[in-house]
Amino acid sequence: MPSFSPLRPAMPRLVVAVALAWSVLSTGCGGGGSDAATPVAETEKSGALTAEAILHPVGDWTASGKVVFVKKPAGENVFQIRLRGLKPAIGETQYALWLMSSRHDIYGIGAWRVREDEQLEEDVANPPFISYVEKGTKTRFLVTRVYSDDRWRDEIIEGKAFDPAWIGQPVLRGEFAGPLVGSPGAS
């Protein structure tokens, strides 16, 4: 049983758009814990470039986690999400994930629900937003808790950066580091 519930019922348009844009959205990594992620050192030995953000809690939150971009030489890129200690988010409540250069230059990755196990684990295949980290233009990462995505759902579906007036309650944040960040081969 997966440890998360991607935003399928509340945001069918987003899921369809993301699925089409990314071509494959992996959802079967929930029960395996952190061993489902390939260690960064092993990944780099294979010739892949990585960027990792260790996420730290904001305010009174006690959650933790990391997100990793892996760009493989064969072009099979992946974005790994591994978050722990999140409060359950059901109904309209969700966790939104953001790439950003500043508070006024944000790219919304999407939003997910979290069940009672307080974890969010997902691998997103061939993410189009990897180019922001690769170019070094958006290297900060933010997780927020939102009670409705209605205010910015269309911008996420369209896959463009924007300046939302409201992004939710900050939960986790971090900055990407690694050989992928600002890599010379960025397109």
Protein backbone atom coordinates (compact mmCIF):
# COMPACT_ATOMS: atom_id res chain seq x y z
CA MET A 1 0.00 0.00 0.00
CA PRO A 2 1.55 3.35 -0.95
CA SER A 3 2.46 5.73 1.86
CA PHE A 4 0.97 8.71 0.10
CA SER A 5 -2.01 9.59 -1.97
CA PRO A 6 -1.12 11.76 -4.96
CA LEU A 7 -3.66 14.41 -5.69
CA ARG A 8 -5.94 12.31 -7.86
CA PRO A 9 -9.51 12.93 -6.61
CA ALA A 10 -9.17 16.66 -5.85
CA MET A 11 -7.05 17.59 -8.89
CA PRO A 12 -7.80 15.25 -11.79
CA ARG A 13 -6.75 17.89 -14.33
CA LEU A 14 -3.34 18.25 -12.68
CA VAL A 15 -2.74 14.53 -12.58
CA VAL A 16 -3.73 14.14 -16.22
CA ALA A 17 -1.54 17.08 -17.26
CA VAL A 18 1.39 15.88 -15.19
CA ALA A 19 1.01 12.35 -16.47
CA LEU A 20 1.01 13.54 -20.05
CA ALA A 21 3.88 15.96 -19.52
CA TRP A 22 6.04 13.50 -17.64
CA SER A 23 4.84 10.47 -19.59
CA VAL A 24 5.27 8.23 -16.56
CA LEU A 25 4.36 8.99 -12.95
CA SER A 26 5.69 6.28 -10.66
CA THR A 27 3.55 5.60 -7.63
CA GLY A 28 4.76 2.25 -6.33
CA CYS A 29 7.55 3.14 -3.93
CA GLY A 30 5.59 3.59 -0.73
CA GLY A 31 6.27 0.52 1.37
CA GLY A 32 9.99 0.21 0.80
CA GLY A 33 11.18 3.01 3.06
CA SER A 34 14.31 4.97 2.26
CA ASP A 35 16.04 2.00 0.65
CA ALA A 36 13.87 2.65 -2.44
CA ALA A 37 16.15 5.59 -3.25
CA THR A 38 19.49 5.01 -4.91
CA PRO A 39 22.27 6.48 -2.76
CA VAL A 40 23.73 9.59 -4.36
CA ALA A 41 27.31 8.24 -4.33
CA GLU A 42 26.30 5.04 -6.15
CA THR A 43 24.26 7.03 -8.67
CA GLU A 44 27.21 9.29 -9.46
CA LYS A 45 29.46 6.25 -10.03
CA SER A 46 27.11 5.27 -12.87
CA GLY A 47 27.84 8.58 -14.63
CA ALA A 48 24.63 10.25 -13.52
CA LEU A 49 24.56 13.83 -12.26
CA THR A 50 22.67 14.53 -9.04
CA ALA A 51 21.32 17.45 -7.06
CA GLU A 52 20.12 16.84 -3.52
CA ALA A 53 18.29 19.10 -1.08
CA ILE A 54 18.25 18.09 2.58
CA LEU A 55 15.04 19.59 3.95
CA HIS A 56 14.84 21.22 7.36
CA PRO A 57 11.68 22.04 9.34
CA VAL A 58 10.26 25.56 9.39
CA GLY A 59 8.89 27.00 12.63
CA ASP A 60 7.34 24.41 14.96
CA TRP A 61 7.27 21.63 12.37
CA THR A 62 9.29 18.50 13.16
CA ALA A 63 9.17 16.89 9.71
CA SER A 64 12.32 16.07 7.74
CA GLY A 65 13.30 14.74 4.37
CA LYS A 66 15.19 15.12 1.16
CA VAL A 67 14.51 15.49 -2.52
CA VAL A 68 16.94 14.36 -5.20
CA PHE A 69 17.20 14.95 -8.93
CA VAL A 70 19.07 12.26 -10.85
CA LYS A 71 20.04 12.92 -14.48
CA LYS A 72 21.23 9.70 -16.08
CA PRO A 73 23.39 9.58 -19.21
CA ALA A 74 20.72 7.55 -21.03
CA GLY A 75 18.18 10.33 -20.41
CA GLU A 76 16.05 8.47 -17.88
CA ASN A 77 15.85 11.21 -15.28
CA VAL A 78 14.08 10.93 -11.94
CA PHE A 79 12.96 13.22 -9.12
CA GLN A 80 12.87 11.41 -5.77
CA ILE A 81 10.75 12.70 -2.89
CA ARG A 82 11.38 11.29 0.60
CA LEU A 83 9.56 13.16 3.40
CA ARG A 84 8.89 11.96 6.97
CA GLY A 85 7.01 13.23 10.00
CA LEU A 86 4.30 15.11 8.10
CA LYS A 87 0.90 15.55 9.67
CA PRO A 88 -1.75 13.59 7.75
CA ALA A 89 -3.34 15.60 4.95
CA ILE A 90 -6.69 14.37 3.64
CA GLY A 91 -9.68 15.93 1.88
CA GLU A 92 -8.74 19.33 0.49
CA THR A 93 -5.61 19.50 2.68
CA GLN A 94 -2.42 18.71 0.79
CA TYR A 95 1.32 19.31 0.77
CA ALA A 96 2.53 21.48 -2.11
CA LEU A 97 6.09 21.21 -3.43
CA TRP A 98 7.83 24.25 -4.90
CA LEU A 99 11.08 25.03 -6.74
CA MET A 100 12.10 28.65 -6.39
CA SER A 101 14.77 31.27 -6.87
CA SER A 102 12.92 33.70 -4.57
CA ARG A 103 9.49 34.03 -2.99
CA HIS A 104 8.37 35.86 -6.14
CA ASP A 105 9.76 33.38 -8.69
CA ILE A 106 8.23 29.98 -7.97
CA TYR A 107 7.54 26.82 -9.96
CA GLY A 108 4.84 24.59 -8.46
CA ILE A 109 5.71 20.92 -8.83
CA GLY A 110 2.39 19.63 -7.55
CA ALA A 111 0.49 18.70 -4.41
CA TRP A 112 0.08 15.42 -2.56
CA ARG A 113 -1.97 14.02 0.31
CA VAL A 114 -0.30 12.23 3.21
CA ARG A 115 -1.93 9.36 5.10
CA GLU A 116 -1.63 8.36 8.74
CA ASP A 117 1.91 6.98 8.27
CA GLU A 118 3.12 10.61 7.93
CA GLN A 119 5.33 9.88 4.90
CA LEU A 120 5.51 11.08 1.34
CA GLU A 121 7.64 8.92 -0.94
CA GLU A 122 7.44 9.17 -4.69
CA ASP A 123 9.68 8.90 -7.72
CA VAL A 124 8.68 11.14 -10.63
CA ALA A 125 10.09 9.92 -13.95
CA ASN A 126 11.49 12.41 -16.49
CA PRO A 127 10.46 15.58 -14.67
CA PRO A 128 10.37 18.60 -17.01
CA PHE A 129 11.29 20.92 -14.13
CA ILE A 130 14.77 19.36 -13.75
CA SER A 131 16.02 22.07 -16.14
CA TYR A 132 15.54 24.79 -13.47
CA VAL A 133 18.03 23.08 -11.15
CA GLU A 134 20.31 22.11 -14.03
CA LYS A 135 20.51 25.73 -15.19
CA GLY A 136 20.88 26.93 -11.60
CA THR A 137 17.90 29.29 -11.89
CA LYS A 138 15.71 27.71 -9.18
CA THR A 139 17.73 25.84 -6.59
CA ARG A 140 15.68 26.41 -3.45
CA PHE A 141 12.98 23.91 -2.45
CA LEU A 142 9.94 24.47 -0.25
CA VAL A 143 7.16 22.22 1.06
CA THR A 144 3.97 23.92 2.26
CA ARG A 145 0.72 22.65 3.73
CA VAL A 146 -2.29 23.98 1.87
CA TYR A 147 -6.00 23.67 2.50
CA SER A 148 -6.96 24.09 -1.15
CA ASP A 149 -4.98 24.37 -4.36
CA ASP A 150 -7.69 26.31 -6.18
CA ARG A 151 -5.68 29.54 -6.19
CA TRP A 152 -2.78 28.17 -8.26
CA ARG A 153 -3.90 24.88 -9.80
CA ASP A 154 -3.98 26.25 -13.38
CA GLU A 155 -0.43 27.60 -13.20
CA ILE A 156 0.88 24.21 -12.09
CA ILE A 157 -1.05 22.47 -14.87
CA GLU A 158 0.45 24.88 -17.41
CA GLY A 159 3.92 24.15 -16.03
CA LYS A 160 5.25 27.67 -15.74
CA ALA A 161 6.88 29.76 -13.04
CA PHE A 162 4.74 32.39 -11.38
CA ASP A 163 4.35 34.61 -8.29
CA PRO A 164 1.41 33.32 -6.27
CA ALA A 165 0.01 35.57 -3.57
CA TRP A 166 -0.51 32.58 -1.28
CA ILE A 167 1.49 29.34 -1.15
CA GLY A 168 0.36 27.83 2.14
CA GLN A 169 2.04 27.23 5.48
CA PRO A 170 5.80 26.54 5.13
CA VAL A 171 6.76 23.11 6.50
CA LEU A 172 10.19 22.18 5.08
CA ARG A 173 12.86 23.98 3.10
CA GLY A 174 16.31 23.37 1.69
CA GLU A 175 18.68 24.18 -1.14
CA PHE A 176 19.94 21.90 -3.88
CA ALA A 177 23.64 21.07 -4.02
CA GLY A 178 25.55 18.65 -6.21
CA PRO A 179 27.10 18.33 -9.65
CA LEU A 180 23.77 18.77 -11.49
CA VAL A 181 23.23 22.28 -10.10
CA GLY A 182 24.28 24.74 -12.82
CA SER A 183 25.84 21.93 -14.86
CA PRO A 184 27.50 22.95 -18.15
CA GLY A 185 25.26 20.70 -20.28
CA ALA A 186 22.05 22.43 -19.23
CA SER A 187 19.67 22.95 -22.09
